[in-house]
Full PDB file with SEQRES, HELIX, SHEET, SSBOND, CRYST1, ORIGX, SCALE, CONECT and MASTER records, all heavy atoms in Angstrom:
SEQRES   1 A   33  PHE GLY ASP THR LYS HIS LEU PRO TYR GLY GLU LYS THR          
SEQRES   2 A   33  ALA GLY HIS ILE LEU LYS TYR THR LEU ASP ALA MET ARG          
SEQRES   3 A   33  PHE LEU ILE ASN GLN ASP CYS                                  
HELIX    1 AA1 TYR A    9  GLU A   11  5                                   3    
HELIX    2 AA2 ALA A   14  ASN A   30  1                                  17    
CRYST1    1.000    1.000    1.000  90.00  90.00  90.00 P 1           1          
ORIGX1      1.000000  0.000000  0.000000        0.00000                         
ORIGX2      0.000000  1.000000  0.000000        0.00000                         
ORIGX3      0.000000  0.000000  1.000000        0.00000                         
SCALE1      1.000000  0.000000  0.000000        0.00000                         
SCALE2      0.000000  1.000000  0.000000        0.00000                         
SCALE3      0.000000  0.000000  1.000000        0.00000                         
ATOM      1  N   PHE A   1      70.804 161.698 -22.732  1.00  0.00           N  
ATOM      2  CA  PHE A   1      70.765 160.367 -23.333  1.00  0.00           C  
ATOM      3  C   PHE A   1      70.368 159.358 -22.265  1.00  0.00           C  
ATOM      4  O   PHE A   1      71.092 159.149 -21.294  1.00  0.00           O  
ATOM      5  CB  PHE A   1      72.124 160.004 -23.918  1.00  0.00           C  
ATOM      6  CG  PHE A   1      72.143 158.673 -24.627  1.00  0.00           C  
ATOM      7  CD1 PHE A   1      71.722 158.562 -25.939  1.00  0.00           C  
ATOM      8  CD2 PHE A   1      72.591 157.533 -23.983  1.00  0.00           C  
ATOM      9  CE1 PHE A   1      71.737 157.345 -26.594  1.00  0.00           C  
ATOM     10  CE2 PHE A   1      72.619 156.307 -24.628  1.00  0.00           C  
ATOM     11  CZ  PHE A   1      72.187 156.213 -25.939  1.00  0.00           C  
ATOM     12  N   GLY A   2      69.209 158.735 -22.437  1.00  0.00           N  
ATOM     13  CA  GLY A   2      68.720 157.724 -21.508  1.00  0.00           C  
ATOM     14  C   GLY A   2      68.678 156.368 -22.189  1.00  0.00           C  
ATOM     15  O   GLY A   2      67.990 156.202 -23.200  1.00  0.00           O  
ATOM     16  N   ASP A   3      69.414 155.409 -21.649  1.00  0.00           N  
ATOM     17  CA  ASP A   3      69.491 154.079 -22.274  1.00  0.00           C  
ATOM     18  C   ASP A   3      68.355 153.196 -21.778  1.00  0.00           C  
ATOM     19  O   ASP A   3      68.556 152.189 -21.092  1.00  0.00           O  
ATOM     20  CB  ASP A   3      70.850 153.451 -21.975  1.00  0.00           C  
ATOM     21  CG  ASP A   3      71.080 152.168 -22.768  1.00  0.00           C  
ATOM     22  OD1 ASP A   3      70.312 151.909 -23.724  1.00  0.00           O  
ATOM     23  OD2 ASP A   3      72.022 151.433 -22.434  1.00  0.00           O  
ATOM     24  N   THR A   4      67.146 153.544 -22.162  1.00  0.00           N  
ATOM     25  CA  THR A   4      65.953 152.825 -21.705  1.00  0.00           C  
ATOM     26  C   THR A   4      65.893 151.395 -22.221  1.00  0.00           C  
ATOM     27  O   THR A   4      65.209 150.550 -21.639  1.00  0.00           O  
ATOM     28  CB  THR A   4      64.694 153.586 -22.136  1.00  0.00           C  
ATOM     29  OG1 THR A   4      64.823 153.951 -23.521  1.00  0.00           O  
ATOM     30  CG2 THR A   4      64.494 154.847 -21.318  1.00  0.00           C  
ATOM     31  N   LYS A   5      66.608 151.114 -23.303  1.00  0.00           N  
ATOM     32  CA  LYS A   5      66.601 149.759 -23.872  1.00  0.00           C  
ATOM     33  C   LYS A   5      67.252 148.753 -22.935  1.00  0.00           C  
ATOM     34  O   LYS A   5      66.871 147.578 -22.896  1.00  0.00           O  
ATOM     35  CB  LYS A   5      67.325 149.767 -25.222  1.00  0.00           C  
ATOM     36  CG  LYS A   5      67.314 148.426 -25.944  1.00  0.00           C  
ATOM     37  CD  LYS A   5      68.004 148.533 -27.298  1.00  0.00           C  
ATOM     38  CE  LYS A   5      68.004 147.214 -28.033  1.00  0.00           C  
ATOM     39  NZ  LYS A   5      68.677 147.328 -29.362  1.00  0.00           N  
ATOM     40  N   HIS A   6      68.242 149.188 -22.161  1.00  0.00           N  
ATOM     41  CA  HIS A   6      69.019 148.253 -21.353  1.00  0.00           C  
ATOM     42  C   HIS A   6      68.804 148.405 -19.851  1.00  0.00           C  
ATOM     43  O   HIS A   6      69.526 147.788 -19.076  1.00  0.00           O  
ATOM     44  CB  HIS A   6      70.509 148.431 -21.676  1.00  0.00           C  
ATOM     45  CG  HIS A   6      70.853 148.106 -23.086  1.00  0.00           C  
ATOM     46  ND1 HIS A   6      71.311 149.059 -23.981  1.00  0.00           N  
ATOM     47  CD2 HIS A   6      70.783 146.941 -23.777  1.00  0.00           C  
ATOM     48  CE1 HIS A   6      71.523 148.487 -25.157  1.00  0.00           C  
ATOM     49  NE2 HIS A   6      71.204 147.220 -25.065  1.00  0.00           N  
ATOM     50  N   LEU A   7      67.854 149.231 -19.434  1.00  0.00           N  
ATOM     51  CA  LEU A   7      67.644 149.396 -17.998  1.00  0.00           C  
ATOM     52  C   LEU A   7      67.027 148.122 -17.415  1.00  0.00           C  
ATOM     53  O   LEU A   7      66.386 147.354 -18.141  1.00  0.00           O  
ATOM     54  CB  LEU A   7      66.770 150.616 -17.726  1.00  0.00           C  
ATOM     55  CG  LEU A   7      65.304 150.597 -18.185  1.00  0.00           C  
ATOM     56  CD1 LEU A   7      64.375 149.972 -17.163  1.00  0.00           C  
ATOM     57  CD2 LEU A   7      64.848 151.997 -18.496  1.00  0.00           C  
ATOM     58  N   PRO A   8      67.187 147.897 -16.103  1.00  0.00           N  
ATOM     59  CA  PRO A   8      67.993 148.710 -15.178  1.00  0.00           C  
ATOM     60  C   PRO A   8      69.458 148.261 -15.167  1.00  0.00           C  
ATOM     61  O   PRO A   8      69.749 147.078 -15.228  1.00  0.00           O  
ATOM     62  CB  PRO A   8      67.330 148.434 -13.834  1.00  0.00           C  
ATOM     63  CG  PRO A   8      66.830 147.018 -13.953  1.00  0.00           C  
ATOM     64  CD  PRO A   8      66.418 146.855 -15.401  1.00  0.00           C  
ATOM     65  N   TYR A   9      70.376 149.219 -15.080  1.00  0.00           N  
ATOM     66  CA  TYR A   9      71.794 148.902 -15.001  1.00  0.00           C  
ATOM     67  C   TYR A   9      72.147 148.246 -13.675  1.00  0.00           C  
ATOM     68  O   TYR A   9      73.138 147.530 -13.577  1.00  0.00           O  
ATOM     69  CB  TYR A   9      72.638 150.174 -15.147  1.00  0.00           C  
ATOM     70  CG  TYR A   9      72.861 150.640 -16.565  1.00  0.00           C  
ATOM     71  CD1 TYR A   9      72.047 150.227 -17.619  1.00  0.00           C  
ATOM     72  CD2 TYR A   9      73.892 151.522 -16.858  1.00  0.00           C  
ATOM     73  CE1 TYR A   9      72.249 150.684 -18.908  1.00  0.00           C  
ATOM     74  CE2 TYR A   9      74.121 151.979 -18.143  1.00  0.00           C  
ATOM     75  CZ  TYR A   9      73.289 151.562 -19.173  1.00  0.00           C  
ATOM     76  OH  TYR A   9      73.498 152.009 -20.444  1.00  0.00           O  
ATOM     77  N   GLY A  10      71.359 148.508 -12.659  1.00  0.00           N  
ATOM     78  CA  GLY A  10      71.692 148.051 -11.319  1.00  0.00           C  
ATOM     79  C   GLY A  10      71.742 146.547 -11.160  1.00  0.00           C  
ATOM     80  O   GLY A  10      72.248 146.041 -10.163  1.00  0.00           O  
ATOM     81  N   GLU A  11      71.230 145.808 -12.142  1.00  0.00           N  
ATOM     82  CA  GLU A  11      71.263 144.354 -12.073  1.00  0.00           C  
ATOM     83  C   GLU A  11      72.127 143.758 -13.180  1.00  0.00           C  
ATOM     84  O   GLU A  11      72.141 142.543 -13.374  1.00  0.00           O  
ATOM     85  CB  GLU A  11      69.836 143.813 -12.138  1.00  0.00           C  
ATOM     86  CG  GLU A  11      68.972 144.280 -10.971  1.00  0.00           C  
ATOM     87  CD  GLU A  11      67.519 143.844 -11.090  1.00  0.00           C  
ATOM     88  OE1 GLU A  11      67.223 143.025 -11.983  1.00  0.00           O  
ATOM     89  OE2 GLU A  11      66.701 144.323 -10.302  1.00  0.00           O  
ATOM     90  N   LYS A  12      72.850 144.608 -13.922  1.00  0.00           N  
ATOM     91  CA  LYS A  12      73.713 144.142 -15.009  1.00  0.00           C  
ATOM     92  C   LYS A  12      75.129 143.850 -14.494  1.00  0.00           C  
ATOM     93  O   LYS A  12      75.520 144.314 -13.429  1.00  0.00           O  
ATOM     94  CB  LYS A  12      73.792 145.212 -16.108  1.00  0.00           C  
ATOM     95  CG  LYS A  12      72.456 145.548 -16.776  1.00  0.00           C  
ATOM     96  CD  LYS A  12      72.007 144.436 -17.691  1.00  0.00           C  
ATOM     97  CE  LYS A  12      70.840 144.858 -18.590  1.00  0.00           C  
ATOM     98  NZ  LYS A  12      69.625 145.225 -17.883  1.00  0.00           N  
ATOM     99  N   THR A  13      75.887 143.084 -15.284  1.00  0.00           N  
ATOM    100  CA  THR A  13      77.285 142.848 -14.947  1.00  0.00           C  
ATOM    101  C   THR A  13      78.088 144.114 -15.207  1.00  0.00           C  
ATOM    102  O   THR A  13      77.679 144.985 -15.986  1.00  0.00           O  
ATOM    103  CB  THR A  13      77.875 141.713 -15.789  1.00  0.00           C  
ATOM    104  OG1 THR A  13      77.905 142.123 -17.173  1.00  0.00           O  
ATOM    105  CG2 THR A  13      77.056 140.439 -15.648  1.00  0.00           C  
ATOM    106  N   ALA A  14      79.257 144.205 -14.582  1.00  0.00           N  
ATOM    107  CA  ALA A  14      80.118 145.368 -14.793  1.00  0.00           C  
ATOM    108  C   ALA A  14      80.518 145.489 -16.253  1.00  0.00           C  
ATOM    109  O   ALA A  14      80.607 146.598 -16.799  1.00  0.00           O  
ATOM    110  CB  ALA A  14      81.362 145.258 -13.910  1.00  0.00           C  
ATOM    111  N   GLY A  15      80.750 144.360 -16.915  1.00  0.00           N  
ATOM    112  CA  GLY A  15      81.125 144.387 -18.320  1.00  0.00           C  
ATOM    113  C   GLY A  15      80.048 144.978 -19.201  1.00  0.00           C  
ATOM    114  O   GLY A  15      80.326 145.778 -20.111  1.00  0.00           O  
ATOM    115  N   HIS A  16      78.800 144.596 -18.957  1.00  0.00           N  
ATOM    116  CA  HIS A  16      77.685 145.150 -19.732  1.00  0.00           C  
ATOM    117  C   HIS A  16      77.514 146.641 -19.449  1.00  0.00           C  
ATOM    118  O   HIS A  16      77.280 147.435 -20.369  1.00  0.00           O  
ATOM    119  CB  HIS A  16      76.388 144.402 -19.411  1.00  0.00           C  
ATOM    120  CG  HIS A  16      76.270 143.094 -20.114  1.00  0.00           C  
ATOM    121  ND1 HIS A  16      76.335 141.893 -19.465  1.00  0.00           N  
ATOM    122  CD2 HIS A  16      76.099 142.802 -21.436  1.00  0.00           C  
ATOM    123  CE1 HIS A  16      76.203 140.907 -20.339  1.00  0.00           C  
ATOM    124  NE2 HIS A  16      76.065 141.431 -21.536  1.00  0.00           N  
ATOM    125  N   ILE A  17      77.608 147.024 -18.193  1.00  0.00           N  
ATOM    126  CA  ILE A  17      77.458 148.443 -17.847  1.00  0.00           C  
ATOM    127  C   ILE A  17      78.537 149.274 -18.533  1.00  0.00           C  
ATOM    128  O   ILE A  17      78.254 150.356 -19.073  1.00  0.00           O  
ATOM    129  CB  ILE A  17      77.504 148.634 -16.318  1.00  0.00           C  
ATOM    130  CG1 ILE A  17      76.291 147.979 -15.662  1.00  0.00           C  
ATOM    131  CG2 ILE A  17      77.550 150.129 -15.956  1.00  0.00           C  
ATOM    132  CD1 ILE A  17      76.348 147.941 -14.150  1.00  0.00           C  
ATOM    133  N   LEU A  18      79.767 148.781 -18.545  1.00  0.00           N  
ATOM    134  CA  LEU A  18      80.855 149.510 -19.201  1.00  0.00           C  
ATOM    135  C   LEU A  18      80.590 149.640 -20.697  1.00  0.00           C  
ATOM    136  O   LEU A  18      80.774 150.725 -21.264  1.00  0.00           O  
ATOM    137  CB  LEU A  18      82.188 148.808 -18.962  1.00  0.00           C  
ATOM    138  CG  LEU A  18      83.413 149.457 -19.619  1.00  0.00           C  
ATOM    139  CD1 LEU A  18      83.590 150.893 -19.150  1.00  0.00           C  
ATOM    140  CD2 LEU A  18      84.675 148.640 -19.344  1.00  0.00           C  
ATOM    141  N   LYS A  19      80.157 148.565 -21.333  1.00  0.00           N  
ATOM    142  CA  LYS A  19      79.870 148.616 -22.776  1.00  0.00           C  
ATOM    143  C   LYS A  19      78.793 149.645 -23.084  1.00  0.00           C  
ATOM    144  O   LYS A  19      78.948 150.488 -23.975  1.00  0.00           O  
ATOM    145  CB  LYS A  19      79.424 147.249 -23.281  1.00  0.00           C  
ATOM    146  CG  LYS A  19      79.063 147.252 -24.775  1.00  0.00           C  
ATOM    147  CD  LYS A  19      78.462 145.936 -25.208  1.00  0.00           C  
ATOM    148  CE  LYS A  19      78.153 145.960 -26.705  1.00  0.00           C  
ATOM    149  NZ  LYS A  19      77.207 147.036 -27.086  1.00  0.00           N  
ATOM    150  N   TYR A  20      77.681 149.596 -22.346  1.00  0.00           N  
ATOM    151  CA  TYR A  20      76.572 150.525 -22.606  1.00  0.00           C  
ATOM    152  C   TYR A  20      76.989 151.965 -22.329  1.00  0.00           C  
ATOM    153  O   TYR A  20      76.603 152.894 -23.055  1.00  0.00           O  
ATOM    154  CB  TYR A  20      75.362 150.166 -21.741  1.00  0.00           C  
ATOM    155  CG  TYR A  20      74.819 148.773 -21.961  1.00  0.00           C  
ATOM    156  CD1 TYR A  20      74.255 148.049 -20.900  1.00  0.00           C  
ATOM    157  CD2 TYR A  20      74.873 148.157 -23.204  1.00  0.00           C  
ATOM    158  CE1 TYR A  20      73.755 146.775 -21.074  1.00  0.00           C  
ATOM    159  CE2 TYR A  20      74.369 146.872 -23.390  1.00  0.00           C  
ATOM    160  CZ  TYR A  20      73.813 146.179 -22.320  1.00  0.00           C  
ATOM    161  OH  TYR A  20      73.319 144.921 -22.491  1.00  0.00           O  
ATOM    162  N   THR A  21      77.777 152.157 -21.275  1.00  0.00           N  
ATOM    163  CA  THR A  21      78.208 153.509 -20.928  1.00  0.00           C  
ATOM    164  C   THR A  21      79.169 154.062 -21.974  1.00  0.00           C  
ATOM    165  O   THR A  21      79.075 155.247 -22.343  1.00  0.00           O  
ATOM    166  CB  THR A  21      78.863 153.513 -19.534  1.00  0.00           C  
ATOM    167  OG1 THR A  21      77.920 153.027 -18.563  1.00  0.00           O  
ATOM    168  CG2 THR A  21      79.297 154.917 -19.139  1.00  0.00           C  
ATOM    169  N   LEU A  22      80.076 153.251 -22.472  1.00  0.00           N  
ATOM    170  CA  LEU A  22      80.987 153.698 -23.533  1.00  0.00           C  
ATOM    171  C   LEU A  22      80.206 154.090 -24.790  1.00  0.00           C  
ATOM    172  O   LEU A  22      80.522 155.095 -25.443  1.00  0.00           O  
ATOM    173  CB  LEU A  22      82.000 152.606 -23.853  1.00  0.00           C  
ATOM    174  CG  LEU A  22      83.116 152.409 -22.828  1.00  0.00           C  
ATOM    175  CD1 LEU A  22      83.924 151.159 -23.151  1.00  0.00           C  
ATOM    176  CD2 LEU A  22      84.028 153.625 -22.776  1.00  0.00           C  
ATOM    177  N   ASP A  23      79.191 153.304 -25.119  1.00  0.00           N  
ATOM    178  CA  ASP A  23      78.342 153.662 -26.271  1.00  0.00           C  
ATOM    179  C   ASP A  23      77.685 155.023 -26.058  1.00  0.00           C  
ATOM    180  O   ASP A  23      77.612 155.851 -26.976  1.00  0.00           O  
ATOM    181  CB  ASP A  23      77.262 152.600 -26.491  1.00  0.00           C  
ATOM    182  CG  ASP A  23      77.822 151.288 -27.032  1.00  0.00           C  
ATOM    183  OD1 ASP A  23      78.964 151.293 -27.537  1.00  0.00           O  
ATOM    184  OD2 ASP A  23      77.116 150.268 -26.936  1.00  0.00           O  
ATOM    185  N   ALA A  24      77.215 155.267 -24.840  1.00  0.00           N  
ATOM    186  CA  ALA A  24      76.571 156.537 -24.532  1.00  0.00           C  
ATOM    187  C   ALA A  24      77.560 157.694 -24.595  1.00  0.00           C  
ATOM    188  O   ALA A  24      77.233 158.781 -25.100  1.00  0.00           O  
ATOM    189  CB  ALA A  24      75.928 156.470 -23.143  1.00  0.00           C  
ATOM    190  N   MET A  25      78.779 157.475 -24.089  1.00  0.00           N  
ATOM    191  CA  MET A  25      79.790 158.537 -24.132  1.00  0.00           C  
ATOM    192  C   MET A  25      80.114 158.910 -25.575  1.00  0.00           C  
ATOM    193  O   MET A  25      80.238 160.093 -25.916  1.00  0.00           O  
ATOM    194  CB  MET A  25      81.065 158.094 -23.406  1.00  0.00           C  
ATOM    195  CG  MET A  25      80.915 157.851 -21.902  1.00  0.00           C  
ATOM    196  SD  MET A  25      80.291 159.273 -20.958  1.00  0.00           S  
ATOM    197  CE  MET A  25      78.558 158.804 -20.760  1.00  0.00           C  
ATOM    198  N   ARG A  26      80.261 157.899 -26.441  1.00  0.00           N  
ATOM    199  CA  ARG A  26      80.567 158.175 -27.848  1.00  0.00           C  
ATOM    200  C   ARG A  26      79.427 158.946 -28.502  1.00  0.00           C  
ATOM    201  O   ARG A  26      79.657 159.867 -29.305  1.00  0.00           O  
ATOM    202  CB  ARG A  26      80.827 156.863 -28.582  1.00  0.00           C  
ATOM    203  CG  ARG A  26      82.093 156.136 -28.104  1.00  0.00           C  
ATOM    204  CD  ARG A  26      82.381 154.917 -28.952  1.00  0.00           C  
ATOM    205  NE  ARG A  26      83.546 154.190 -28.454  1.00  0.00           N  
ATOM    206  CZ  ARG A  26      83.474 153.066 -27.733  1.00  0.00           C  
ATOM    207  NH1 ARG A  26      82.282 152.545 -27.434  1.00  0.00           N  
ATOM    208  NH2 ARG A  26      84.578 152.469 -27.316  1.00  0.00           N  
ATOM    209  N   PHE A  27      78.193 158.580 -28.170  1.00  0.00           N  
ATOM    210  CA  PHE A  27      77.048 159.296 -28.727  1.00  0.00           C  
ATOM    211  C   PHE A  27      77.055 160.757 -28.311  1.00  0.00           C  
ATOM    212  O   PHE A  27      76.894 161.662 -29.145  1.00  0.00           O  
ATOM    213  CB  PHE A  27      75.741 158.634 -28.277  1.00  0.00           C  
ATOM    214  CG  PHE A  27      74.507 159.409 -28.668  1.00  0.00           C  
ATOM    215  CD1 PHE A  27      73.974 159.294 -29.944  1.00  0.00           C  
ATOM    216  CD2 PHE A  27      73.890 160.271 -27.768  1.00  0.00           C  
ATOM    217  CE1 PHE A  27      72.852 160.014 -30.317  1.00  0.00           C  
ATOM    218  CE2 PHE A  27      72.770 160.999 -28.131  1.00  0.00           C  
ATOM    219  CZ  PHE A  27      72.257 160.860 -29.416  1.00  0.00           C  
ATOM    220  N   LEU A  28      77.258 161.014 -27.023  1.00  0.00           N  
ATOM    221  CA  LEU A  28      77.232 162.388 -26.524  1.00  0.00           C  
ATOM    222  C   LEU A  28      78.405 163.201 -27.064  1.00  0.00           C  
ATOM    223  O   LEU A  28      78.252 164.384 -27.370  1.00  0.00           O  
ATOM    224  CB  LEU A  28      77.222 162.392 -25.000  1.00  0.00           C  
ATOM    225  CG  LEU A  28      75.907 161.908 -24.358  1.00  0.00           C  
ATOM    226  CD1 LEU A  28      76.075 161.693 -22.864  1.00  0.00           C  
ATOM    227  CD2 LEU A  28      74.776 162.897 -24.634  1.00  0.00           C  
ATOM    228  N   ILE A  29      79.550 162.578 -27.192  1.00  0.00           N  
ATOM    229  CA  ILE A  29      80.702 163.285 -27.786  1.00  0.00           C  
ATOM    230  C   ILE A  29      80.398 163.656 -29.233  1.00  0.00           C  
ATOM    231  O   ILE A  29      80.726 164.767 -29.680  1.00  0.00           O  
ATOM    232  CB  ILE A  29      81.963 162.412 -27.675  1.00  0.00           C  
ATOM    233  CG1 ILE A  29      82.414 162.330 -26.206  1.00  0.00           C  
ATOM    234  CG2 ILE A  29      83.103 162.985 -28.531  1.00  0.00           C  
ATOM    235  CD1 ILE A  29      83.476 161.288 -25.940  1.00  0.00           C  
ATOM    236  N   ASN A  30      79.743 162.759 -29.961  1.00  0.00           N  
ATOM    237  CA  ASN A  30      79.363 163.056 -31.353  1.00  0.00           C  
ATOM    238  C   ASN A  30      78.298 164.141 -31.441  1.00  0.00           C  
ATOM    239  O   ASN A  30      78.116 164.748 -32.505  1.00  0.00           O  
ATOM    240  CB  ASN A  30      78.869 161.788 -32.053  1.00  0.00           C  
ATOM    241  CG  ASN A  30      79.986 160.820 -32.370  1.00  0.00           C  
ATOM    242  OD1 ASN A  30      81.143 161.228 -32.514  1.00  0.00           O  
ATOM    243  ND2 ASN A  30      79.666 159.544 -32.480  1.00  0.00           N  
ATOM    244  N   GLN A  31      77.608 164.389 -30.318  1.00  0.00           N  
ATOM    245  CA  GLN A  31      76.627 165.475 -30.260  1.00  0.00           C  
ATOM    246  C   GLN A  31      77.270 166.791 -29.797  1.00  0.00           C  
ATOM    247  O   GLN A  31      76.578 167.734 -29.448  1.00  0.00           O  
ATOM    248  CB  GLN A  31      75.486 165.097 -29.301  1.00  0.00           C  
ATOM    249  CG  GLN A  31      74.644 163.923 -29.755  1.00  0.00           C  
ATOM    250  CD  GLN A  31      73.872 164.202 -31.009  1.00  0.00           C  
ATOM    251  OE1 GLN A  31      73.254 165.256 -31.146  1.00  0.00           O  
ATOM    252  NE2 GLN A  31      73.895 163.255 -31.944  1.00  0.00           N  
ATOM    253  N   ASP A  32      78.594 166.841 -29.801  1.00  0.00           N  
ATOM    254  CA  ASP A  32      79.357 168.041 -29.441  1.00  0.00           C  
ATOM    255  C   ASP A  32      79.277 168.387 -27.962  1.00  0.00           C  
ATOM    256  O   ASP A  32      79.311 169.562 -27.582  1.00  0.00           O  
ATOM    257  CB  ASP A  32      78.919 169.246 -30.278  1.00  0.00           C  
ATOM    258  CG  ASP A  32      79.224 169.067 -31.751  1.00  0.00           C  
ATOM    259  OD1 ASP A  32      80.263 168.451 -32.069  1.00  0.00           O  
ATOM    260  OD2 ASP A  32      78.419 169.532 -32.583  1.00  0.00           O  
ATOM    261  N   CYS A  33      79.183 167.373 -27.119  1.00  0.00           N  
ATOM    262  CA  CYS A  33      79.202 167.619 -25.683  1.00  0.00           C  
ATOM    263  C   CYS A  33      80.644 167.723 -25.200  1.00  0.00           C  
ATOM    264  O   CYS A  33      81.465 166.838 -25.450  1.00  0.00           O  
ATOM    265  CB  CYS A  33      78.481 166.498 -24.929  1.00  0.00           C  
ATOM    266  SG  CYS A  33      76.702 166.464 -25.248  1.00  0.00           S  
TER     267      CYS A  33                                                      
MASTER        0    0    0    2    0    0    0    6  266    1    0    3          
END                                                                             
């Protein structure tokens, strides 16, 4: 899962990075990871 819509994370706030990462974790868990 690559979050190309919100890159680069390296210039985002910690709050935004956490939100995007949590969304990615939920997606991957729903994909049976």
